[in-house]
Amino acid sequence: MLVLVTLERESSDIVDRFKKAIRSSAEVVNGFYVTGDADFVLYVTAPTMEDYEQFTRKFFYANPNIKAVKTMVVVDRVKVGFAIPVEASSET
């Protein structure tokens, strides 16, 4: 799942605590602190939807600093990777 997370408010202590929670969660494969409509975008994995529901209850709903969570279920991974194409400089 891709999950958009909006915090109740953005203060450094709340953001830092949420970043720590992301790092310590086995279900969160990737986490990004972003600008725009949401504060974080998470790539979350779970064996079943029931497992995902349990994860949401403990990770999101138990956190009073989270204002909104929007889940998008990944139907097909069309292209996957984080490599950044960087051309080597012709100057030596």
PDB file of N, CA and C in Angstrom:
ATOM      1  N   MET A   1       0.830  -1.165   0.000  1.00  0.00           N
ATOM      2  CA  MET A   1       0.000   0.000   0.000  1.00  0.00           C
ATOM      3  C   MET A   1       0.883   1.240   0.000  1.00  0.00           C
ATOM      4  N   LEU A   2       0.394   2.293  -0.637  1.00  0.00           N
ATOM      5  CA  LEU A   2       0.985   3.616  -0.493  1.00  0.00           C
ATOM      6  C   LEU A   2       0.054   4.375   0.444  1.00  0.00           C
ATOM      7  N   VAL A   3       0.626   4.999   1.457  1.00  0.00           N
ATOM      8  CA  VAL A   3      -0.188   5.645   2.471  1.00  0.00           C
ATOM      9  C   VAL A   3       0.240   7.101   2.603  1.00  0.00           C
ATOM     10  N   LEU A   4      -0.729   7.997   2.458  1.00  0.00           N
ATOM     11  CA  LEU A   4      -0.493   9.420   2.660  1.00  0.00           C
ATOM     12  C   LEU A   4      -0.890   9.746   4.096  1.00  0.00           C
ATOM     13  N   VAL A   5       0.023  10.351   4.830  1.00  0.00           N
ATOM     14  CA  VAL A   5      -0.224  10.661   6.236  1.00  0.00           C
ATOM     15  C   VAL A   5      -0.135  12.164   6.443  1.00  0.00           C
ATOM     16  N   THR A   6      -1.165  12.728   7.070  1.00  0.00           N
ATOM     17  CA  THR A   6      -1.187  14.138   7.423  1.00  0.00           C
ATOM     18  C   THR A   6      -1.167  14.241   8.940  1.00  0.00           C
ATOM     19  N   LEU A   7      -0.214  15.003   9.445  1.00  0.00           N
ATOM     20  CA  LEU A   7      -0.113  15.197  10.884  1.00  0.00           C
ATOM     21  C   LEU A   7      -1.095  16.263  11.341  1.00  0.00           C
ATOM     22  N   GLU A   8      -1.478  16.192  12.612  1.00  0.00           N
ATOM     23  CA  GLU A   8      -2.382  17.181  13.207  1.00  0.00           C
ATOM     24  C   GLU A   8      -1.772  18.574  13.111  1.00  0.00           C
ATOM     25  N   ARG A   9      -0.487  18.659  13.380  1.00  0.00           N
ATOM     26  CA  ARG A   9       0.271  19.894  13.213  1.00  0.00           C
ATOM     27  C   ARG A   9       1.723  19.511  13.027  1.00  0.00           C
ATOM     28  N   GLU A  10       2.469  20.389  12.385  1.00  0.00           N
ATOM     29  CA  GLU A  10       3.877  20.110  12.132  1.00  0.00           C
ATOM     30  C   GLU A  10       4.744  20.876  13.120  1.00  0.00           C
ATOM     31  N   SER A  11       5.206  20.177  14.116  1.00  0.00           N
ATOM     32  CA  SER A  11       6.204  20.738  15.019  1.00  0.00           C
ATOM     33  C   SER A  11       7.386  19.782  14.977  1.00  0.00           C
ATOM     34  N   SER A  12       8.562  20.282  15.289  1.00  0.00           N
ATOM     35  CA  SER A  12       9.758  19.451  15.142  1.00  0.00           C
ATOM     36  C   SER A  12       9.699  18.201  15.999  1.00  0.00           C
ATOM     37  N   ASP A  13       9.159  18.281  17.207  1.00  0.00           N
ATOM     38  CA  ASP A  13       9.111  17.090  18.060  1.00  0.00           C
ATOM     39  C   ASP A  13       8.131  16.046  17.518  1.00  0.00           C
ATOM     40  N   ILE A  14       6.993  16.481  16.990  1.00  0.00           N
ATOM     41  CA  ILE A  14       6.019  15.538  16.425  1.00  0.00           C
ATOM     42  C   ILE A  14       6.585  14.883  15.165  1.00  0.00           C
ATOM     43  N   VAL A  15       7.193  15.671  14.297  1.00  0.00           N
ATOM     44  CA  VAL A  15       7.789  15.130  13.072  1.00  0.00           C
ATOM     45  C   VAL A  15       8.899  14.149  13.421  1.00  0.00           C
ATOM     46  N   ASP A  16       9.771  14.511  14.360  1.00  0.00           N
ATOM     47  CA  ASP A  16      10.875  13.633  14.739  1.00  0.00           C
ATOM     48  C   ASP A  16      10.375  12.322  15.336  1.00  0.00           C
ATOM     49  N   ARG A  17       9.344  12.380  16.166  1.00  0.00           N
ATOM     50  CA  ARG A  17       8.778  11.151  16.751  1.00  0.00           C
ATOM     51  C   ARG A  17       8.177  10.262  15.664  1.00  0.00           C
ATOM     52  N   PHE A  18       7.500  10.870  14.687  1.00  0.00           N
ATOM     53  CA  PHE A  18       6.902  10.066  13.622  1.00  0.00           C
ATOM     54  C   PHE A  18       7.984   9.455  12.737  1.00  0.00           C
ATOM     55  N   LYS A  19       9.043  10.194  12.445  1.00  0.00           N
ATOM     56  CA  LYS A  19      10.164   9.637  11.682  1.00  0.00           C
ATOM     57  C   LYS A  19      10.763   8.440  12.410  1.00  0.00           C
ATOM     58  N   LYS A  20      10.903   8.545  13.730  1.00  0.00           N
ATOM     59  CA  LYS A  20      11.440   7.434  14.527  1.00  0.00           C
ATOM     60  C   LYS A  20      10.521   6.219  14.449  1.00  0.00           C
ATOM     61  N   ALA A  21       9.215   6.452  14.504  1.00  0.00           N
ATOM     62  CA  ALA A  21       8.252   5.348  14.404  1.00  0.00           C
ATOM     63  C   ALA A  21       8.345   4.674  13.038  1.00  0.00           C
ATOM     64  N   ILE A  22       8.512   5.467  11.989  1.00  0.00           N
ATOM     65  CA  ILE A  22       8.655   4.911  10.636  1.00  0.00           C
ATOM     66  C   ILE A  22       9.885   4.014  10.572  1.00  0.00           C
ATOM     67  N   ARG A  23      11.011   4.522  11.078  1.00  0.00           N
ATOM     68  CA  ARG A  23      12.265   3.755  11.027  1.00  0.00           C
ATOM     69  C   ARG A  23      12.178   2.443  11.792  1.00  0.00           C
ATOM     70  N   SER A  24      11.393   2.412  12.858  1.00  0.00           N
ATOM     71  CA  SER A  24      11.333   1.212  13.696  1.00  0.00           C
ATOM     72  C   SER A  24      10.236   0.231  13.275  1.00  0.00           C
ATOM     73  N   SER A  25       9.468   0.563  12.262  1.00  0.00           N
ATOM     74  CA  SER A  25       8.376  -0.311  11.830  1.00  0.00           C
ATOM     75  C   SER A  25       8.817  -1.241  10.704  1.00  0.00           C
ATOM     76  N   ALA A  26       8.646  -2.535  10.915  1.00  0.00           N
ATOM     77  CA  ALA A  26       8.986  -3.523   9.880  1.00  0.00           C
ATOM     78  C   ALA A  26       8.031  -3.432   8.692  1.00  0.00           C
ATOM     79  N   GLU A  27       6.794  -3.012   8.924  1.00  0.00           N
ATOM     80  CA  GLU A  27       5.803  -2.940   7.851  1.00  0.00           C
ATOM     81  C   GLU A  27       6.060  -1.780   6.897  1.00  0.00           C
ATOM     82  N   VAL A  28       6.708  -0.730   7.378  1.00  0.00           N
ATOM     83  CA  VAL A  28       6.992   0.425   6.529  1.00  0.00           C
ATOM     84  C   VAL A  28       8.301   0.159   5.786  1.00  0.00           C
ATOM     85  N   VAL A  29       8.182  -0.085   4.496  1.00  0.00           N
ATOM     86  CA  VAL A  29       9.345  -0.400   3.664  1.00  0.00           C
ATOM     87  C   VAL A  29      10.103   0.866   3.297  1.00  0.00           C
ATOM     88  N   ASN A  30       9.385   1.917   2.935  1.00  0.00           N
ATOM     89  CA  ASN A  30       9.968   3.215   2.604  1.00  0.00           C
ATOM     90  C   ASN A  30       9.095   4.302   3.211  1.00  0.00           C
ATOM     91  N   GLY A  31       9.729   5.372   3.639  1.00  0.00           N
ATOM     92  CA  GLY A  31       9.002   6.505   4.188  1.00  0.00           C
ATOM     93  C   GLY A  31       9.616   7.798   3.714  1.00  0.00           C
ATOM     94  N   PHE A  32       8.776   8.731   3.296  1.00  0.00           N
ATOM     95  CA  PHE A  32       9.235  10.006   2.761  1.00  0.00           C
ATOM     96  C   PHE A  32       8.518  11.155   3.463  1.00  0.00           C
ATOM     97  N   TYR A  33       9.274  12.126   3.929  1.00  0.00           N
ATOM     98  CA  TYR A  33       8.736  13.371   4.486  1.00  0.00           C
ATOM     99  C   TYR A  33       8.614  14.307   3.296  1.00  0.00           C
ATOM    100  N   VAL A  34       7.387  14.747   2.972  1.00  0.00           N
ATOM    101  CA  VAL A  34       7.139  15.445   1.712  1.00  0.00           C
ATOM    102  C   VAL A  34       6.406  16.771   1.925  1.00  0.00           C
ATOM    103  N   THR A  35       6.346  17.543   0.851  1.00  0.00           N
ATOM    104  CA  THR A  35       5.520  18.744   0.833  1.00  0.00           C
ATOM    105  C   THR A  35       4.255  18.433   0.047  1.00  0.00           C
ATOM    106  N   GLY A  36       3.265  19.282   0.152  1.00  0.00           N
ATOM    107  CA  GLY A  36       2.035  19.079  -0.614  1.00  0.00           C
ATOM    108  C   GLY A  36       0.866  18.745   0.276  1.00  0.00           C
ATOM    109  N   ASP A  37      -0.048  17.932  -0.230  1.00  0.00           N
ATOM    110  CA  ASP A  37      -1.283  17.617   0.484  1.00  0.00           C
ATOM    111  C   ASP A  37      -1.069  16.785   1.740  1.00  0.00           C
ATOM    112  N   ALA A  38      -0.024  15.977   1.771  1.00  0.00           N
ATOM    113  CA  ALA A  38       0.270  15.130   2.923  1.00  0.00           C
ATOM    114  C   ALA A  38       1.639  15.510   3.472  1.00  0.00           C
ATOM    115  N   ASP A  39       1.911  15.063   4.697  1.00  0.00           N
ATOM    116  CA  ASP A  39       3.214  15.309   5.320  1.00  0.00           C
ATOM    117  C   ASP A  39       4.191  14.161   5.062  1.00  0.00           C
ATOM    118  N   PHE A  40       3.664  12.952   4.959  1.00  0.00           N
ATOM    119  CA  PHE A  40       4.485  11.769   4.721  1.00  0.00           C
ATOM    120  C   PHE A  40       3.824  10.871   3.682  1.00  0.00           C
ATOM    121  N   VAL A  41       4.652  10.189   2.910  1.00  0.00           N
ATOM    122  CA  VAL A  41       4.195   9.124   2.023  1.00  0.00           C
ATOM    123  C   VAL A  41       4.935   7.868   2.450  1.00  0.00           C
ATOM    124  N   LEU A  42       4.174   6.815   2.749  1.00  0.00           N
ATOM    125  CA  LEU A  42       4.759   5.564   3.206  1.00  0.00           C
ATOM    126  C   LEU A  42       4.442   4.446   2.230  1.00  0.00           C
ATOM    127  N   TYR A  43       5.400   3.566   2.039  1.00  0.00           N
ATOM    128  CA  TYR A  43       5.187   2.322   1.285  1.00  0.00           C
ATOM    129  C   TYR A  43       5.126   1.240   2.346  1.00  0.00           C
ATOM    130  N   VAL A  44       3.939   0.671   2.529  1.00  0.00           N
ATOM    131  CA  VAL A  44       3.687  -0.282   3.605  1.00  0.00           C
ATOM    132  C   VAL A  44       3.349  -1.641   3.003  1.00  0.00           C
ATOM    133  N   THR A  45       3.871  -2.687   3.608  1.00  0.00           N
ATOM    134  CA  THR A  45       3.561  -4.034   3.142  1.00  0.00           C
ATOM    135  C   THR A  45       2.900  -4.835   4.267  1.00  0.00           C
ATOM    136  N   ALA A  46       1.968  -5.695   3.877  1.00  0.00           N
ATOM    137  CA  ALA A  46       1.286  -6.577   4.817  1.00  0.00           C
ATOM    138  C   ALA A  46       0.837  -7.816   4.054  1.00  0.00           C
ATOM    139  N   PRO A  47       0.913  -8.988   4.680  1.00  0.00           N
ATOM    140  CA  PRO A  47       0.528 -10.228   3.990  1.00  0.00           C
ATOM    141  C   PRO A  47      -0.939 -10.269   3.562  1.00  0.00           C
ATOM    142  N   THR A  48      -1.818  -9.691   4.399  1.00  0.00           N
ATOM    143  CA  THR A  48      -3.254  -9.692   4.098  1.00  0.00           C
ATOM    144  C   THR A  48      -3.839  -8.332   4.469  1.00  0.00           C
ATOM    145  N   MET A  49      -5.037  -8.076   4.006  1.00  0.00           N
ATOM    146  CA  MET A  49      -5.716  -6.830   4.367  1.00  0.00           C
ATOM    147  C   MET A  49      -6.055  -6.812   5.862  1.00  0.00           C
ATOM    148  N   GLU A  50      -6.305  -7.976   6.436  1.00  0.00           N
ATOM    149  CA  GLU A  50      -6.549  -8.042   7.877  1.00  0.00           C
ATOM    150  C   GLU A  50      -5.296  -7.611   8.645  1.00  0.00           C
ATOM    151  N   ASP A  51      -4.130  -8.055   8.166  1.00  0.00           N
ATOM    152  CA  ASP A  51      -2.869  -7.639   8.787  1.00  0.00           C
ATOM    153  C   ASP A  51      -2.670  -6.136   8.632  1.00  0.00           C
ATOM    154  N   TYR A  52      -3.024  -5.605   7.469  1.00  0.00           N
ATOM    155  CA  TYR A  52      -2.894  -4.162   7.256  1.00  0.00           C
ATOM    156  C   TYR A  52      -3.819  -3.400   8.201  1.00  0.00           C
ATOM    157  N   GLU A  53      -5.027  -3.903   8.385  1.00  0.00           N
ATOM    158  CA  GLU A  53      -5.956  -3.251   9.305  1.00  0.00           C
ATOM    159  C   GLU A  53      -5.386  -3.213  10.722  1.00  0.00           C
ATOM    160  N   GLN A  54      -4.801  -4.319  11.171  1.00  0.00           N
ATOM    161  CA  GLN A  54      -4.187  -4.348  12.497  1.00  0.00           C
ATOM    162  C   GLN A  54      -3.031  -3.352  12.588  1.00  0.00           C
ATOM    163  N   PHE A  55      -2.233  -3.271  11.527  1.00  0.00           N
ATOM    164  CA  PHE A  55      -1.137  -2.309  11.482  1.00  0.00           C
ATOM    165  C   PHE A  55      -1.670  -0.880  11.601  1.00  0.00           C
ATOM    166  N   THR A  56      -2.730  -0.564  10.845  1.00  0.00           N
ATOM    167  CA  THR A  56      -3.276   0.796  10.893  1.00  0.00           C
ATOM    168  C   THR A  56      -3.775   1.147  12.291  1.00  0.00           C
ATOM    169  N   ARG A  57      -4.362   0.179  12.956  1.00  0.00           N
ATOM    170  CA  ARG A  57      -4.878   0.439  14.307  1.00  0.00           C
ATOM    171  C   ARG A  57      -3.759   0.786  15.286  1.00  0.00           C
ATOM    172  N   LYS A  58      -2.647   0.050  15.204  1.00  0.00           N
ATOM    173  CA  LYS A  58      -1.571   0.303  16.173  1.00  0.00           C
ATOM    174  C   LYS A  58      -0.653   1.443  15.738  1.00  0.00           C
ATOM    175  N   PHE A  59      -0.438   1.617  14.434  1.00  0.00           N
ATOM    176  CA  PHE A  59       0.536   2.598  13.964  1.00  0.00           C
ATOM    177  C   PHE A  59      -0.083   3.977  13.744  1.00  0.00           C
ATOM    178  N   PHE A  60      -1.274   4.018  13.180  1.00  0.00           N
ATOM    179  CA  PHE A  60      -1.895   5.303  12.865  1.00  0.00           C
ATOM    180  C   PHE A  60      -2.935   5.731  13.901  1.00  0.00           C
ATOM    181  N   TYR A  61      -3.919   4.877  14.147  1.00  0.00           N
ATOM    182  CA  TYR A  61      -5.055   5.285  14.968  1.00  0.00           C
ATOM    183  C   TYR A  61      -4.697   5.478  16.432  1.00  0.00           C
ATOM    184  N   ALA A  62      -3.643   4.825  16.897  1.00  0.00           N
ATOM    185  CA  ALA A  62      -3.211   5.005  18.285  1.00  0.00           C
ATOM    186  C   ALA A  62      -2.366   6.261  18.464  1.00  0.00           C
ATOM    187  N   ASN A  63      -2.029   6.941  17.369  1.00  0.00           N
ATOM    188  CA  ASN A  63      -1.187   8.132  17.417  1.00  0.00           C
ATOM    189  C   ASN A  63      -2.070   9.385  17.348  1.00  0.00           C
ATOM    190  N   PRO A  64      -2.178  10.135  18.452  1.00  0.00           N
ATOM    191  CA  PRO A  64      -3.063  11.308  18.465  1.00  0.00           C
ATOM    192  C   PRO A  64      -2.557  12.466  17.599  1.00  0.00           C
ATOM    193  N   ASN A  65      -1.326  12.380  17.119  1.00  0.00           N
ATOM    194  CA  ASN A  65      -0.762  13.451  16.293  1.00  0.00           C
ATOM    195  C   ASN A  65      -1.054  13.278  14.803  1.00  0.00           C
ATOM    196  N   ILE A  66      -1.764  12.216  14.450  1.00  0.00           N
ATOM    197  CA  ILE A  66      -2.107  11.988  13.052  1.00  0.00           C
ATOM    198  C   ILE A  66      -3.523  12.493  12.793  1.00  0.00           C
ATOM    199  N   LYS A  67      -3.619  13.367  11.821  1.00  0.00           N
ATOM    200  CA  LYS A  67      -4.914  13.967  11.465  1.00  0.00           C
ATOM    201  C   LYS A  67      -5.664  13.120  10.440  1.00  0.00           C
ATOM    202  N   ALA A  68      -4.935  12.622   9.413  1.00  0.00           N
ATOM    203  CA  ALA A  68      -5.595  11.867   8.344  1.00  0.00           C
ATOM    204  C   ALA A  68      -4.639  10.844   7.742  1.00  0.00           C
ATOM    205  N   VAL A  69      -5.238   9.753   7.301  1.00  0.00           N
ATOM    206  CA  VAL A  69      -4.508   8.679   6.629  1.00  0.00           C
ATOM    207  C   VAL A  69      -5.296   8.303   5.385  1.00  0.00           C
ATOM    208  N   LYS A  70      -4.621   8.266   4.241  1.00  0.00           N
ATOM    209  CA  LYS A  70      -5.267   7.854   3.000  1.00  0.00           C
ATOM    210  C   LYS A  70      -4.450   6.713   2.411  1.00  0.00           C
ATOM    211  N   THR A  71      -5.089   5.562   2.230  1.00  0.00           N
ATOM    212  CA  THR A  71      -4.413   4.370   1.723  1.00  0.00           C
ATOM    213  C   THR A  71      -4.757   4.141   0.268  1.00  0.00           C
ATOM    214  N   MET A  72      -3.727   3.888  -0.524  1.00  0.00           N
ATOM    215  CA  MET A  72      -3.902   3.503  -1.923  1.00  0.00           C
ATOM    216  C   MET A  72      -3.294   2.110  -2.084  1.00  0.00           C
ATOM    217  N   VAL A  73      -4.105   1.155  -2.500  1.00  0.00           N
ATOM    218  CA  VAL A  73      -3.633  -0.214  -2.679  1.00  0.00           C
ATOM    219  C   VAL A  73      -2.917  -0.319  -4.020  1.00  0.00           C
ATOM    220  N   VAL A  74      -1.703  -0.847  -3.989  1.00  0.00           N
ATOM    221  CA  VAL A  74      -0.927  -1.028  -5.216  1.00  0.00           C
ATOM    222  C   VAL A  74      -1.465  -2.259  -5.951  1.00  0.00           C
ATOM    223  N   VAL A  75      -1.939  -2.055  -7.159  1.00  0.00           N
ATOM    224  CA  VAL A  75      -2.485  -3.133  -7.974  1.00  0.00           C
ATOM    225  C   VAL A  75      -1.382  -3.802  -8.786  1.00  0.00           C
ATOM    226  N   ASP A  76      -0.449  -2.994  -9.314  1.00  0.00           N
ATOM    227  CA  ASP A  76       0.632  -3.521 -10.147  1.00  0.00           C
ATOM    228  C   ASP A  76       1.843  -2.617 -10.024  1.00  0.00           C
ATOM    229  N   ARG A  77       2.983  -3.197  -9.754  1.00  0.00           N
ATOM    230  CA  ARG A  77       4.226  -2.421  -9.711  1.00  0.00           C
ATOM    231  C   ARG A  77       4.776  -2.363 -11.127  1.00  0.00           C
ATOM    232  N   VAL A  78       4.510  -1.288 -11.801  1.00  0.00           N
ATOM    233  CA  VAL A  78       4.845  -1.136 -13.209  1.00  0.00           C
ATOM    234  C   VAL A  78       6.336  -0.910 -13.400  1.00  0.00           C
ATOM    235  N   LYS A  79       6.936  -0.105 -12.547  1.00  0.00           N
ATOM    236  CA  LYS A  79       8.377   0.140 -12.596  1.00  0.00           C
ATOM    237  C   LYS A  79       8.838   0.391 -11.167  1.00  0.00           C
ATOM    238  N   VAL A  80       9.886  -0.297 -10.758  1.00  0.00           N
ATOM    239  CA  VAL A  80      10.368  -0.186  -9.396  1.00  0.00           C
ATOM    240  C   VAL A  80      11.865   0.084  -9.413  1.00  0.00           C
ATOM    241  N   GLY A  81      12.292   1.002  -8.595  1.00  0.00           N
ATOM    242  CA  GLY A  81      13.715   1.285  -8.455  1.00  0.00           C
ATOM    243  C   GLY A  81      13.937   2.690  -7.954  1.00  0.00           C
ATOM    244  N   PHE A  82      15.080   2.892  -7.367  1.00  0.00           N
ATOM    245  CA  PHE A  82      15.410   4.205  -6.848  1.00  0.00           C
ATOM    246  C   PHE A  82      16.727   4.723  -7.408  1.00  0.00           C
ATOM    247  N   ALA A  83      17.238   4.077  -8.443  1.00  0.00           N
ATOM    248  CA  ALA A  83      18.479   4.534  -9.059  1.00  0.00           C
ATOM    249  C   ALA A  83      18.243   5.888  -9.722  1.00  0.00           C
ATOM    250  N   ILE A  84      19.197   6.767  -9.575  1.00  0.00           N
ATOM    251  CA  ILE A  84      19.113   8.083 -10.191  1.00  0.00           C
ATOM    252  C   ILE A  84      20.114   8.126 -11.328  1.00  0.00           C
ATOM    253  N   PRO A  85      19.631   8.329 -12.562  1.00  0.00           N
ATOM    254  CA  PRO A  85      20.558   8.348 -13.690  1.00  0.00           C
ATOM    255  C   PRO A  85      21.444   9.595 -13.645  1.00  0.00           C
ATOM    256  N   VAL A  86      22.717   9.363 -13.455  1.00  0.00           N
ATOM    257  CA  VAL A  86      23.684  10.474 -13.392  1.00  0.00           C
ATOM    258  C   VAL A  86      24.745  10.203 -14.441  1.00  0.00           C
ATOM    259  N   GLU A  87      24.912  11.149 -15.327  1.00  0.00           N
ATOM    260  CA  GLU A  87      25.920  10.983 -16.366  1.00  0.00           C
ATOM    261  C   GLU A  87      27.287  11.400 -15.820  1.00  0.00           C
ATOM    262  N   ALA A  88      28.303  10.649 -16.196  1.00  0.00           N
ATOM    263  CA  ALA A  88      29.662  10.987 -15.786  1.00  0.00           C
ATOM    264  C   ALA A  88      30.110  12.233 -16.536  1.00  0.00           C
ATOM    265  N   SER A  89      30.808  13.086 -15.857  1.00  0.00           N
ATOM    266  CA  SER A  89      31.310  14.313 -16.444  1.00  0.00           C
ATOM    267  C   SER A  89      32.393  13.994 -17.466  1.00  0.00           C
ATOM    268  N   SER A  90      32.388  14.696 -18.585  1.00  0.00           N
ATOM    269  CA  SER A  90      33.420  14.481 -19.604  1.00  0.00           C
ATOM    270  C   SER A  90      34.729  15.145 -19.215  1.00  0.00           C
ATOM    271  N   GLU A  91      34.683  16.002 -18.189  1.00  0.00           N
ATOM    272  CA  GLU A  91      35.902  16.637 -17.706  1.00  0.00           C
ATOM    273  C   GLU A  91      36.627  15.696 -16.741  1.00  0.00           C
ATOM    274  N   THR A  92      37.932  15.592 -16.879  1.00  0.00           N
ATOM    275  CA  THR A  92      38.693  14.743 -15.975  1.00  0.00           C
ATOM    276  C   THR A  92      39.713  15.510 -15.193  1.00  0.00           C
TER     277      THR A  92
END
